[in-house]
Amino acid sequence: MIAADNLGLDREQVWDIEQALTHLRATGGANTKRTAERRLHDAGLLPPELGIDTVCDEQDRPANPVVLNAFANRVRSKRKLLLFRN
């Protein structure tokens, strides 16, 4: 794991992806947005990715995988983007 201070992102301020990308481009840490996102993820500065296997309901119970997979397949068959909200 990369430490945030090794990237120069330890300054006390609110960072967003665009600000981090601008900073990382200036310091040679990343040239593309995707690379910047990878650096931030490796540093533990981004939340973990949500997926079908990590989705929970309001009571923090795992979602029914049969229902969730059927829903995901229906959305993908319509060529729509499948998004999860935490």
N, C-alpha and C. Protein backbone atom coordinates (compact mmCIF):
# COMPACT_ATOMS: atom_id res chain seq x y z
N MET A 1 0.85 -1.18 0.00
CA MET A 1 0.00 0.00 0.00
C MET A 1 0.89 1.24 0.00
N ILE A 2 0.54 2.20 -0.80
CA ILE A 2 1.26 3.47 -0.89
C ILE A 2 0.68 4.42 0.14
N ALA A 3 1.52 5.12 0.88
CA ALA A 3 1.03 6.09 1.85
C ALA A 3 0.64 7.39 1.14
N ALA A 4 -0.38 8.06 1.66
CA ALA A 4 -0.85 9.31 1.06
C ALA A 4 0.24 10.37 1.08
N ASP A 5 1.08 10.37 2.13
CA ASP A 5 2.14 11.38 2.18
C ASP A 5 3.22 11.13 1.14
N ASN A 6 3.36 9.89 0.68
CA ASN A 6 4.31 9.60 -0.39
C ASN A 6 3.84 10.17 -1.73
N LEU A 7 2.55 10.40 -1.86
CA LEU A 7 2.00 10.98 -3.07
C LEU A 7 1.91 12.50 -2.98
N GLY A 8 2.16 13.04 -1.80
CA GLY A 8 2.02 14.48 -1.60
C GLY A 8 0.59 14.89 -1.37
N LEU A 9 -0.25 13.94 -1.02
CA LEU A 9 -1.67 14.22 -0.81
C LEU A 9 -2.02 14.29 0.68
N ASP A 10 -1.02 14.55 1.51
CA ASP A 10 -1.25 14.59 2.95
C ASP A 10 -1.59 15.99 3.45
N ARG A 11 -1.64 16.96 2.55
CA ARG A 11 -2.01 18.32 2.92
C ARG A 11 -3.45 18.33 3.40
N GLU A 12 -3.72 19.11 4.46
CA GLU A 12 -5.08 19.17 5.00
C GLU A 12 -5.96 20.02 4.10
N GLN A 13 -6.74 19.36 3.28
CA GLN A 13 -7.72 19.99 2.41
C GLN A 13 -8.65 18.91 1.91
N VAL A 14 -9.73 19.32 1.31
CA VAL A 14 -10.65 18.36 0.71
C VAL A 14 -10.16 18.08 -0.70
N TRP A 15 -9.87 16.82 -0.98
CA TRP A 15 -9.38 16.42 -2.29
C TRP A 15 -10.51 15.78 -3.07
N ASP A 16 -10.56 16.05 -4.36
CA ASP A 16 -11.41 15.28 -5.26
C ASP A 16 -10.50 14.67 -6.32
N ILE A 17 -11.06 13.85 -7.18
CA ILE A 17 -10.25 13.15 -8.19
C ILE A 17 -9.52 14.15 -9.09
N GLU A 18 -10.22 15.21 -9.49
CA GLU A 18 -9.61 16.19 -10.40
C GLU A 18 -8.43 16.90 -9.76
N GLN A 19 -8.58 17.31 -8.50
CA GLN A 19 -7.48 17.96 -7.79
C GLN A 19 -6.31 17.01 -7.59
N ALA A 20 -6.61 15.78 -7.24
CA ALA A 20 -5.56 14.78 -7.07
C ALA A 20 -4.85 14.52 -8.39
N LEU A 21 -5.61 14.43 -9.49
CA LEU A 21 -5.01 14.22 -10.80
C LEU A 21 -4.09 15.37 -11.18
N THR A 22 -4.54 16.60 -10.97
CA THR A 22 -3.70 17.77 -11.26
C THR A 22 -2.41 17.73 -10.46
N HIS A 23 -2.54 17.40 -9.17
CA HIS A 23 -1.35 17.31 -8.31
C HIS A 23 -0.42 16.18 -8.76
N LEU A 24 -0.98 15.01 -9.05
CA LEU A 24 -0.16 13.87 -9.45
C LEU A 24 0.49 14.09 -10.81
N ARG A 25 -0.18 14.80 -11.71
CA ARG A 25 0.45 15.14 -12.99
C ARG A 25 1.64 16.07 -12.77
N ALA A 26 1.48 17.03 -11.88
CA ALA A 26 2.56 17.99 -11.61
C ALA A 26 3.77 17.33 -10.96
N THR A 27 3.53 16.30 -10.17
CA THR A 27 4.63 15.62 -9.48
C THR A 27 5.12 14.39 -10.21
N GLY A 28 4.50 14.07 -11.36
CA GLY A 28 4.91 12.90 -12.13
C GLY A 28 4.37 11.59 -11.59
N GLY A 29 3.35 11.66 -10.71
CA GLY A 29 2.79 10.46 -10.11
C GLY A 29 1.78 9.74 -10.98
N ALA A 30 1.16 10.47 -11.91
CA ALA A 30 0.16 9.87 -12.79
C ALA A 30 -0.09 10.80 -13.97
N ASN A 31 -0.29 10.21 -15.13
CA ASN A 31 -0.57 11.01 -16.33
C ASN A 31 -2.04 10.95 -16.73
N THR A 32 -2.75 9.90 -16.33
CA THR A 32 -4.14 9.73 -16.71
C THR A 32 -5.02 9.65 -15.47
N LYS A 33 -6.29 9.89 -15.67
CA LYS A 33 -7.24 9.84 -14.56
C LYS A 33 -7.30 8.43 -13.97
N ARG A 34 -7.29 7.44 -14.83
CA ARG A 34 -7.35 6.06 -14.35
C ARG A 34 -6.13 5.71 -13.51
N THR A 35 -4.94 6.17 -13.93
CA THR A 35 -3.73 5.91 -13.14
C THR A 35 -3.82 6.62 -11.80
N ALA A 36 -4.33 7.85 -11.80
CA ALA A 36 -4.51 8.58 -10.54
C ALA A 36 -5.47 7.83 -9.62
N GLU A 37 -6.56 7.31 -10.18
CA GLU A 37 -7.50 6.53 -9.37
C GLU A 37 -6.83 5.29 -8.79
N ARG A 38 -5.99 4.64 -9.58
CA ARG A 38 -5.26 3.46 -9.07
C ARG A 38 -4.34 3.85 -7.92
N ARG A 39 -3.63 4.95 -8.07
CA ARG A 39 -2.73 5.41 -7.00
C ARG A 39 -3.52 5.72 -5.73
N LEU A 40 -4.65 6.39 -5.88
CA LEU A 40 -5.48 6.72 -4.72
C LEU A 40 -6.06 5.47 -4.08
N HIS A 41 -6.45 4.51 -4.89
CA HIS A 41 -6.96 3.25 -4.36
C HIS A 41 -5.86 2.50 -3.62
N ASP A 42 -4.65 2.44 -4.20
CA ASP A 42 -3.53 1.76 -3.55
C ASP A 42 -3.15 2.42 -2.23
N ALA A 43 -3.35 3.74 -2.14
CA ALA A 43 -3.03 4.48 -0.91
C ALA A 43 -4.14 4.35 0.13
N GLY A 44 -5.24 3.71 -0.24
CA GLY A 44 -6.35 3.55 0.70
C GLY A 44 -7.19 4.81 0.84
N LEU A 45 -7.11 5.70 -0.15
CA LEU A 45 -7.85 6.96 -0.08
C LEU A 45 -9.21 6.90 -0.76
N LEU A 46 -9.49 5.83 -1.46
CA LEU A 46 -10.80 5.64 -2.08
C LEU A 46 -11.51 4.48 -1.39
N PRO A 47 -12.84 4.54 -1.32
CA PRO A 47 -13.57 3.42 -0.71
C PRO A 47 -13.48 2.19 -1.58
N PRO A 48 -13.68 1.01 -1.00
CA PRO A 48 -13.64 -0.21 -1.81
C PRO A 48 -14.77 -0.23 -2.83
N GLU A 49 -14.54 -0.91 -3.92
CA GLU A 49 -15.52 -1.00 -4.99
C GLU A 49 -16.71 -1.85 -4.55
N LEU A 50 -17.90 -1.38 -4.87
CA LEU A 50 -19.10 -2.17 -4.59
C LEU A 50 -19.37 -3.10 -5.75
N GLY A 51 -19.80 -4.29 -5.43
CA GLY A 51 -20.12 -5.27 -6.46
C GLY A 51 -21.25 -6.16 -5.99
N ILE A 52 -21.65 -7.06 -6.84
CA ILE A 52 -22.76 -7.96 -6.52
C ILE A 52 -22.49 -8.75 -5.24
N ASP A 53 -21.26 -9.15 -5.02
CA ASP A 53 -20.94 -9.97 -3.85
C ASP A 53 -20.80 -9.15 -2.57
N THR A 54 -20.79 -7.81 -2.64
CA THR A 54 -20.62 -6.99 -1.45
C THR A 54 -21.84 -6.15 -1.10
N VAL A 55 -22.91 -6.24 -1.88
CA VAL A 55 -24.11 -5.44 -1.65
C VAL A 55 -24.89 -5.99 -0.46
N CYS A 56 -25.32 -5.07 0.41
CA CYS A 56 -26.13 -5.44 1.58
C CYS A 56 -27.39 -4.59 1.61
N ASP A 57 -28.39 -5.06 2.37
CA ASP A 57 -29.62 -4.29 2.50
C ASP A 57 -29.52 -3.31 3.67
N GLU A 58 -30.65 -2.68 4.03
CA GLU A 58 -30.67 -1.66 5.08
C GLU A 58 -30.25 -2.21 6.45
N GLN A 59 -30.50 -3.48 6.69
CA GLN A 59 -30.14 -4.10 7.97
C GLN A 59 -28.77 -4.76 7.92
N ASP A 60 -28.00 -4.43 6.88
CA ASP A 60 -26.63 -4.94 6.69
C ASP A 60 -26.60 -6.45 6.48
N ARG A 61 -27.67 -6.98 5.90
CA ARG A 61 -27.71 -8.40 5.54
C ARG A 61 -27.30 -8.53 4.08
N PRO A 62 -26.61 -9.60 3.71
CA PRO A 62 -26.24 -9.78 2.30
C PRO A 62 -27.48 -9.91 1.42
N ALA A 63 -27.40 -9.33 0.24
CA ALA A 63 -28.51 -9.41 -0.70
C ALA A 63 -28.64 -10.83 -1.23
N ASN A 64 -29.85 -11.18 -1.62
CA ASN A 64 -30.11 -12.51 -2.18
C ASN A 64 -29.38 -12.61 -3.53
N PRO A 65 -28.38 -13.49 -3.64
CA PRO A 65 -27.58 -13.54 -4.87
C PRO A 65 -28.38 -13.97 -6.10
N VAL A 66 -29.40 -14.78 -5.93
CA VAL A 66 -30.21 -15.22 -7.07
C VAL A 66 -30.96 -14.02 -7.65
N VAL A 67 -31.60 -13.26 -6.79
CA VAL A 67 -32.35 -12.09 -7.24
C VAL A 67 -31.41 -11.04 -7.82
N LEU A 68 -30.30 -10.80 -7.14
CA LEU A 68 -29.36 -9.78 -7.58
C LEU A 68 -28.73 -10.14 -8.93
N ASN A 69 -28.36 -11.39 -9.11
CA ASN A 69 -27.79 -11.81 -10.40
C ASN A 69 -28.81 -11.73 -11.53
N ALA A 70 -30.07 -12.09 -11.24
CA ALA A 70 -31.12 -11.99 -12.26
C ALA A 70 -31.32 -10.53 -12.66
N PHE A 71 -31.34 -9.64 -11.67
CA PHE A 71 -31.49 -8.22 -11.95
C PHE A 71 -30.31 -7.70 -12.75
N ALA A 72 -29.10 -8.08 -12.35
CA ALA A 72 -27.90 -7.63 -13.06
C ALA A 72 -27.90 -8.11 -14.51
N ASN A 73 -28.28 -9.35 -14.73
CA ASN A 73 -28.34 -9.88 -16.10
C ASN A 73 -29.38 -9.15 -16.95
N ARG A 74 -30.53 -8.81 -16.34
CA ARG A 74 -31.56 -8.08 -17.08
C ARG A 74 -31.07 -6.68 -17.46
N VAL A 75 -30.39 -6.01 -16.53
CA VAL A 75 -29.86 -4.67 -16.81
C VAL A 75 -28.80 -4.74 -17.90
N ARG A 76 -27.89 -5.69 -17.80
CA ARG A 76 -26.81 -5.83 -18.80
C ARG A 76 -27.36 -6.20 -20.17
N SER A 77 -28.44 -7.00 -20.22
CA SER A 77 -29.01 -7.39 -21.51
C SER A 77 -29.59 -6.17 -22.24
N LYS A 78 -29.96 -5.15 -21.49
CA LYS A 78 -30.46 -3.91 -22.09
C LYS A 78 -29.32 -2.93 -22.38
N ARG A 79 -28.08 -3.41 -22.16
CA ARG A 79 -26.87 -2.61 -22.39
C ARG A 79 -26.86 -1.33 -21.57
N LYS A 80 -27.32 -1.47 -20.33
CA LYS A 80 -27.32 -0.34 -19.40
C LYS A 80 -26.20 -0.56 -18.39
N LEU A 81 -25.76 0.52 -17.80
CA LEU A 81 -24.70 0.48 -16.81
C LEU A 81 -25.28 0.07 -15.46
N LEU A 82 -24.66 -0.89 -14.83
CA LEU A 82 -25.10 -1.38 -13.54
C LEU A 82 -24.31 -0.64 -12.46
N LEU A 83 -25.00 0.16 -11.66
CA LEU A 83 -24.35 0.95 -10.60
C LEU A 83 -24.90 0.55 -9.26
N PHE A 84 -24.06 0.63 -8.23
CA PHE A 84 -24.46 0.34 -6.87
C PHE A 84 -24.25 1.59 -6.04
N ARG A 85 -25.11 1.78 -5.05
CA ARG A 85 -24.98 2.93 -4.17
C ARG A 85 -24.80 2.42 -2.75
N ASN A 86 -23.86 3.02 -2.06
CA ASN A 86 -23.56 2.61 -0.70
C ASN A 86 -24.43 3.35 0.28
